[in-house]
Amino acid sequence: MDANKLNQLKKQLTDELMNLQSHIHEVPTAENSELSSVETHPADAATDLTTVTTEIAMDDFKEEEIEKIQLALKAIKEGTYGQCIECHKEIPYERLEVVPTALTCVEHSDDV
């Protein structure tokens, strides 16, 4: 992979990392929401619980994405980015354009 393509992917990964890190927030708790209110209607309490659960799930997803991006950036730094960690063959640039965090070729994507 040429240096321009690598720099483009590195910038994309870095931008996404900064975006995720800036939008991840403390996990909401029942004490911080209307769930702790005794006079809350059961439907409102259910809505609040759904909101809290969704926010927790989104934060978990963001944390997983941050880890994937950090691994890809580490691979770039080590000079192994674009090489499958399983078979050591080159990962096609087209795959990396779509999934810049990919550390495996398509054949080994389910093995990790």
N, C-alpha and C. Protein backbone atom coordinates (compact mmCIF):
# COMPACT_ATOMS: atom_id res chain seq x y z
N MET A 1 0.85 -1.18 0.00
CA MET A 1 0.00 0.00 0.00
C MET A 1 0.90 1.24 0.00
N ASP A 2 0.53 2.18 -0.84
CA ASP A 2 1.38 3.38 -0.90
C ASP A 2 1.12 4.30 0.29
N ALA A 3 2.05 5.21 0.52
CA ALA A 3 2.03 6.08 1.69
C ALA A 3 0.80 6.98 1.73
N ASN A 4 0.33 7.45 0.58
CA ASN A 4 -0.85 8.32 0.54
C ASN A 4 -2.10 7.58 1.03
N LYS A 5 -2.26 6.36 0.56
CA LYS A 5 -3.42 5.56 0.98
C LYS A 5 -3.34 5.26 2.48
N LEU A 6 -2.15 4.91 2.94
CA LEU A 6 -1.96 4.62 4.36
C LEU A 6 -2.25 5.86 5.20
N ASN A 7 -1.76 7.01 4.78
CA ASN A 7 -2.02 8.25 5.52
C ASN A 7 -3.50 8.60 5.53
N GLN A 8 -4.17 8.34 4.42
CA GLN A 8 -5.62 8.60 4.35
C GLN A 8 -6.37 7.72 5.35
N LEU A 9 -6.02 6.44 5.40
CA LEU A 9 -6.67 5.52 6.34
C LEU A 9 -6.32 5.89 7.78
N LYS A 10 -5.07 6.27 8.02
CA LYS A 10 -4.66 6.67 9.37
C LYS A 10 -5.45 7.90 9.83
N LYS A 11 -5.61 8.87 8.93
CA LYS A 11 -6.39 10.06 9.27
C LYS A 11 -7.84 9.70 9.57
N GLN A 12 -8.40 8.81 8.75
CA GLN A 12 -9.78 8.37 8.96
C GLN A 12 -9.92 7.70 10.33
N LEU A 13 -8.99 6.84 10.67
CA LEU A 13 -9.02 6.16 11.97
C LEU A 13 -8.86 7.15 13.12
N THR A 14 -7.93 8.07 12.97
CA THR A 14 -7.67 9.05 14.03
C THR A 14 -8.88 9.96 14.23
N ASP A 15 -9.49 10.41 13.13
CA ASP A 15 -10.68 11.25 13.23
C ASP A 15 -11.83 10.52 13.92
N GLU A 16 -12.01 9.26 13.54
CA GLU A 16 -13.09 8.47 14.15
C GLU A 16 -12.81 8.24 15.64
N LEU A 17 -11.56 8.00 15.98
CA LEU A 17 -11.19 7.81 17.39
C LEU A 17 -11.51 9.06 18.19
N MET A 18 -11.13 10.22 17.68
CA MET A 18 -11.40 11.48 18.38
C MET A 18 -12.91 11.71 18.50
N ASN A 19 -13.65 11.39 17.46
CA ASN A 19 -15.10 11.55 17.49
C ASN A 19 -15.74 10.66 18.55
N LEU A 20 -15.35 9.40 18.58
CA LEU A 20 -15.91 8.47 19.57
C LEU A 20 -15.53 8.88 20.99
N GLN A 21 -14.28 9.26 21.18
CA GLN A 21 -13.84 9.64 22.52
C GLN A 21 -14.54 10.89 23.01
N SER A 22 -14.87 11.79 22.11
CA SER A 22 -15.54 13.02 22.53
C SER A 22 -17.02 12.80 22.81
N HIS A 23 -17.58 11.73 22.29
CA HIS A 23 -19.01 11.49 22.49
C HIS A 23 -19.32 10.41 23.51
N ILE A 24 -18.28 9.75 23.99
CA ILE A 24 -18.54 8.76 25.03
C ILE A 24 -18.72 9.51 26.35
N HIS A 25 -19.67 9.10 27.12
CA HIS A 25 -19.95 9.82 28.36
C HIS A 25 -20.15 8.83 29.50
N GLU A 26 -20.28 9.38 30.67
CA GLU A 26 -20.48 8.53 31.83
C GLU A 26 -21.77 7.76 31.67
N VAL A 27 -21.75 6.53 32.12
CA VAL A 27 -22.93 5.69 32.01
C VAL A 27 -24.00 6.20 32.96
N PRO A 28 -25.20 6.49 32.43
CA PRO A 28 -26.26 6.97 33.30
C PRO A 28 -26.71 5.88 34.28
N THR A 29 -27.13 6.30 35.42
CA THR A 29 -27.61 5.35 36.42
C THR A 29 -29.05 5.69 36.77
N ALA A 30 -29.71 4.75 37.38
CA ALA A 30 -31.10 4.96 37.77
C ALA A 30 -31.23 6.13 38.75
N GLU A 31 -30.22 6.33 39.59
CA GLU A 31 -30.27 7.41 40.56
C GLU A 31 -30.24 8.79 39.89
N ASN A 32 -29.61 8.87 38.70
CA ASN A 32 -29.50 10.14 37.99
C ASN A 32 -30.67 10.42 37.06
N SER A 33 -31.56 9.47 36.94
CA SER A 33 -32.69 9.64 36.03
C SER A 33 -33.98 9.72 36.83
N GLU A 34 -35.07 9.81 36.12
CA GLU A 34 -36.36 9.85 36.79
C GLU A 34 -36.77 8.49 37.34
N LEU A 35 -35.94 7.47 37.11
CA LEU A 35 -36.27 6.14 37.61
C LEU A 35 -36.32 6.11 39.13
N SER A 36 -35.62 7.01 39.78
CA SER A 36 -35.59 6.99 41.24
C SER A 36 -36.79 7.69 41.85
N SER A 37 -37.59 8.34 41.05
CA SER A 37 -38.76 9.05 41.55
C SER A 37 -39.88 8.07 41.87
N VAL A 38 -40.46 8.23 43.05
CA VAL A 38 -41.51 7.31 43.48
C VAL A 38 -42.84 7.57 42.78
N GLU A 39 -43.06 8.80 42.36
CA GLU A 39 -44.34 9.15 41.77
C GLU A 39 -44.34 9.06 40.23
N THR A 40 -43.39 8.34 39.68
CA THR A 40 -43.30 8.21 38.22
C THR A 40 -44.30 7.17 37.74
N HIS A 41 -44.99 7.51 36.67
CA HIS A 41 -45.93 6.58 36.05
C HIS A 41 -45.14 5.39 35.52
N PRO A 42 -45.69 4.18 35.61
CA PRO A 42 -44.96 2.99 35.15
C PRO A 42 -44.49 3.09 33.70
N ALA A 43 -45.28 3.71 32.84
CA ALA A 43 -44.85 3.85 31.44
C ALA A 43 -43.66 4.78 31.32
N ASP A 44 -43.65 5.86 32.11
CA ASP A 44 -42.51 6.78 32.11
C ASP A 44 -41.26 6.10 32.65
N ALA A 45 -41.45 5.30 33.69
CA ALA A 45 -40.32 4.57 34.26
C ALA A 45 -39.75 3.59 33.24
N ALA A 46 -40.62 2.95 32.47
CA ALA A 46 -40.17 2.01 31.45
C ALA A 46 -39.40 2.74 30.35
N THR A 47 -39.89 3.91 29.97
CA THR A 47 -39.20 4.72 28.96
C THR A 47 -37.83 5.13 29.46
N ASP A 48 -37.76 5.59 30.72
CA ASP A 48 -36.47 5.98 31.30
C ASP A 48 -35.51 4.80 31.35
N LEU A 49 -36.02 3.64 31.74
CA LEU A 49 -35.18 2.45 31.81
C LEU A 49 -34.66 2.07 30.43
N THR A 50 -35.51 2.18 29.43
CA THR A 50 -35.10 1.88 28.05
C THR A 50 -34.02 2.85 27.60
N THR A 51 -34.19 4.11 27.93
CA THR A 51 -33.19 5.13 27.56
C THR A 51 -31.85 4.84 28.21
N VAL A 52 -31.86 4.54 29.50
CA VAL A 52 -30.63 4.24 30.22
C VAL A 52 -29.96 3.01 29.63
N THR A 53 -30.73 1.96 29.36
CA THR A 53 -30.20 0.72 28.80
C THR A 53 -29.60 0.96 27.42
N THR A 54 -30.28 1.75 26.60
CA THR A 54 -29.78 2.07 25.27
C THR A 54 -28.48 2.84 25.34
N GLU A 55 -28.40 3.82 26.24
CA GLU A 55 -27.18 4.61 26.39
C GLU A 55 -26.01 3.75 26.86
N ILE A 56 -26.28 2.81 27.74
CA ILE A 56 -25.23 1.90 28.21
C ILE A 56 -24.75 1.04 27.04
N ALA A 57 -25.67 0.52 26.25
CA ALA A 57 -25.31 -0.31 25.09
C ALA A 57 -24.50 0.49 24.07
N MET A 58 -24.89 1.73 23.84
CA MET A 58 -24.15 2.58 22.89
C MET A 58 -22.75 2.87 23.40
N ASP A 59 -22.60 3.11 24.69
CA ASP A 59 -21.27 3.33 25.25
C ASP A 59 -20.40 2.09 25.11
N ASP A 60 -21.01 0.91 25.34
CA ASP A 60 -20.26 -0.34 25.17
C ASP A 60 -19.79 -0.48 23.72
N PHE A 61 -20.68 -0.18 22.78
CA PHE A 61 -20.34 -0.24 21.36
C PHE A 61 -19.19 0.72 21.04
N LYS A 62 -19.28 1.93 21.55
CA LYS A 62 -18.24 2.94 21.31
C LYS A 62 -16.91 2.48 21.88
N GLU A 63 -16.93 1.89 23.07
CA GLU A 63 -15.69 1.40 23.68
C GLU A 63 -15.06 0.29 22.84
N GLU A 64 -15.89 -0.61 22.29
CA GLU A 64 -15.38 -1.66 21.42
C GLU A 64 -14.77 -1.07 20.15
N GLU A 65 -15.43 -0.08 19.58
CA GLU A 65 -14.91 0.57 18.37
C GLU A 65 -13.60 1.29 18.67
N ILE A 66 -13.51 1.93 19.82
CA ILE A 66 -12.27 2.61 20.22
C ILE A 66 -11.13 1.59 20.31
N GLU A 67 -11.39 0.43 20.89
CA GLU A 67 -10.36 -0.61 21.00
C GLU A 67 -9.91 -1.08 19.63
N LYS A 68 -10.86 -1.29 18.70
CA LYS A 68 -10.51 -1.72 17.34
C LYS A 68 -9.65 -0.67 16.64
N ILE A 69 -10.02 0.59 16.79
CA ILE A 69 -9.27 1.67 16.16
C ILE A 69 -7.87 1.75 16.74
N GLN A 70 -7.76 1.62 18.05
CA GLN A 70 -6.45 1.68 18.69
C GLN A 70 -5.55 0.53 18.22
N LEU A 71 -6.13 -0.65 18.02
CA LEU A 71 -5.36 -1.78 17.50
C LEU A 71 -4.90 -1.51 16.07
N ALA A 72 -5.77 -0.93 15.25
CA ALA A 72 -5.40 -0.61 13.87
C ALA A 72 -4.30 0.45 13.85
N LEU A 73 -4.41 1.47 14.69
CA LEU A 73 -3.38 2.50 14.74
C LEU A 73 -2.05 1.94 15.25
N LYS A 74 -2.13 0.99 16.17
CA LYS A 74 -0.92 0.32 16.66
C LYS A 74 -0.26 -0.46 15.53
N ALA A 75 -1.08 -1.14 14.72
CA ALA A 75 -0.55 -1.89 13.59
C ALA A 75 0.12 -0.95 12.58
N ILE A 76 -0.47 0.22 12.37
CA ILE A 76 0.15 1.20 11.47
C ILE A 76 1.51 1.60 12.01
N LYS A 77 1.57 1.88 13.30
CA LYS A 77 2.83 2.30 13.93
C LYS A 77 3.89 1.21 13.83
N GLU A 78 3.45 -0.05 13.97
CA GLU A 78 4.39 -1.17 13.94
C GLU A 78 4.72 -1.61 12.51
N GLY A 79 4.00 -1.08 11.53
CA GLY A 79 4.26 -1.43 10.14
C GLY A 79 3.59 -2.71 9.68
N THR A 80 2.62 -3.21 10.45
CA THR A 80 1.94 -4.45 10.07
C THR A 80 0.52 -4.21 9.56
N TYR A 81 0.10 -2.96 9.52
CA TYR A 81 -1.25 -2.64 9.06
C TYR A 81 -1.40 -3.04 7.59
N GLY A 82 -2.52 -3.64 7.28
CA GLY A 82 -2.77 -4.06 5.91
C GLY A 82 -2.32 -5.49 5.64
N GLN A 83 -1.85 -6.14 6.70
CA GLN A 83 -1.41 -7.53 6.59
C GLN A 83 -2.27 -8.36 7.53
N CYS A 84 -2.86 -9.44 7.02
CA CYS A 84 -3.73 -10.30 7.82
C CYS A 84 -2.95 -10.89 8.99
N ILE A 85 -3.52 -10.78 10.19
CA ILE A 85 -2.84 -11.31 11.39
C ILE A 85 -2.88 -12.84 11.43
N GLU A 86 -3.71 -13.45 10.58
CA GLU A 86 -3.82 -14.91 10.55
C GLU A 86 -2.89 -15.54 9.51
N CYS A 87 -3.00 -15.10 8.25
CA CYS A 87 -2.23 -15.72 7.17
C CYS A 87 -1.10 -14.85 6.65
N HIS A 88 -1.02 -13.61 7.13
CA HIS A 88 0.03 -12.65 6.78
C HIS A 88 -0.01 -12.20 5.32
N LYS A 89 -1.12 -12.49 4.62
CA LYS A 89 -1.28 -11.99 3.26
C LYS A 89 -1.77 -10.55 3.33
N GLU A 90 -1.54 -9.82 2.25
CA GLU A 90 -1.97 -8.43 2.20
C GLU A 90 -3.50 -8.34 2.17
N ILE A 91 -4.03 -7.45 2.99
CA ILE A 91 -5.47 -7.18 2.99
C ILE A 91 -5.73 -6.18 1.86
N PRO A 92 -6.67 -6.49 0.97
CA PRO A 92 -6.94 -5.58 -0.14
C PRO A 92 -7.34 -4.18 0.36
N TYR A 93 -6.83 -3.17 -0.31
CA TYR A 93 -7.12 -1.79 0.06
C TYR A 93 -8.62 -1.53 0.07
N GLU A 94 -9.34 -2.14 -0.85
CA GLU A 94 -10.80 -1.94 -0.92
C GLU A 94 -11.46 -2.39 0.38
N ARG A 95 -10.97 -3.45 0.98
CA ARG A 95 -11.51 -3.90 2.28
C ARG A 95 -11.19 -2.88 3.37
N LEU A 96 -9.96 -2.38 3.36
CA LEU A 96 -9.56 -1.41 4.38
C LEU A 96 -10.31 -0.09 4.23
N GLU A 97 -10.67 0.27 2.99
CA GLU A 97 -11.47 1.48 2.79
C GLU A 97 -12.83 1.35 3.46
N VAL A 98 -13.41 0.16 3.36
CA VAL A 98 -14.74 -0.08 3.93
C VAL A 98 -14.66 -0.34 5.43
N VAL A 99 -13.67 -1.12 5.84
CA VAL A 99 -13.48 -1.48 7.26
C VAL A 99 -12.03 -1.16 7.63
N PRO A 100 -11.74 0.10 7.93
CA PRO A 100 -10.35 0.47 8.22
C PRO A 100 -9.77 -0.18 9.47
N THR A 101 -10.62 -0.74 10.31
CA THR A 101 -10.13 -1.43 11.51
C THR A 101 -9.83 -2.90 11.25
N ALA A 102 -10.04 -3.36 10.01
CA ALA A 102 -9.82 -4.77 9.69
C ALA A 102 -8.36 -5.15 9.87
N LEU A 103 -8.14 -6.21 10.61
CA LEU A 103 -6.79 -6.72 10.80
C LEU A 103 -6.64 -8.10 10.16
N THR A 104 -7.71 -8.55 9.49
CA THR A 104 -7.68 -9.84 8.80
C THR A 104 -8.23 -9.69 7.40
N CYS A 105 -7.85 -10.64 6.55
CA CYS A 105 -8.44 -10.70 5.22
C CYS A 105 -9.87 -11.24 5.36
N VAL A 106 -10.63 -11.19 4.29
CA VAL A 106 -12.02 -11.63 4.33
C VAL A 106 -12.11 -13.10 4.75
N GLU A 107 -11.18 -13.92 4.25
CA GLU A 107 -11.21 -15.36 4.55
C GLU A 107 -11.08 -15.65 6.05
N HIS A 108 -10.38 -14.78 6.77
CA HIS A 108 -10.17 -15.01 8.19
C HIS A 108 -10.98 -14.08 9.10
N SER A 109 -11.89 -13.33 8.51
CA SER A 109 -12.64 -12.35 9.30
C SER A 109 -13.50 -12.99 10.38
N ASP A 110 -13.96 -14.21 10.18
CA ASP A 110 -14.79 -14.87 11.19
C ASP A 110 -13.95 -15.60 12.23
N ASP A 111 -12.66 -15.74 11.98
CA ASP A 111 -11.79 -16.49 12.91
C ASP A 111 -11.40 -15.66 14.13
N VAL A 112 -11.54 -14.35 14.05
CA VAL A 112 -11.07 -13.49 15.14
C VAL A 112 -12.21 -13.13 16.05
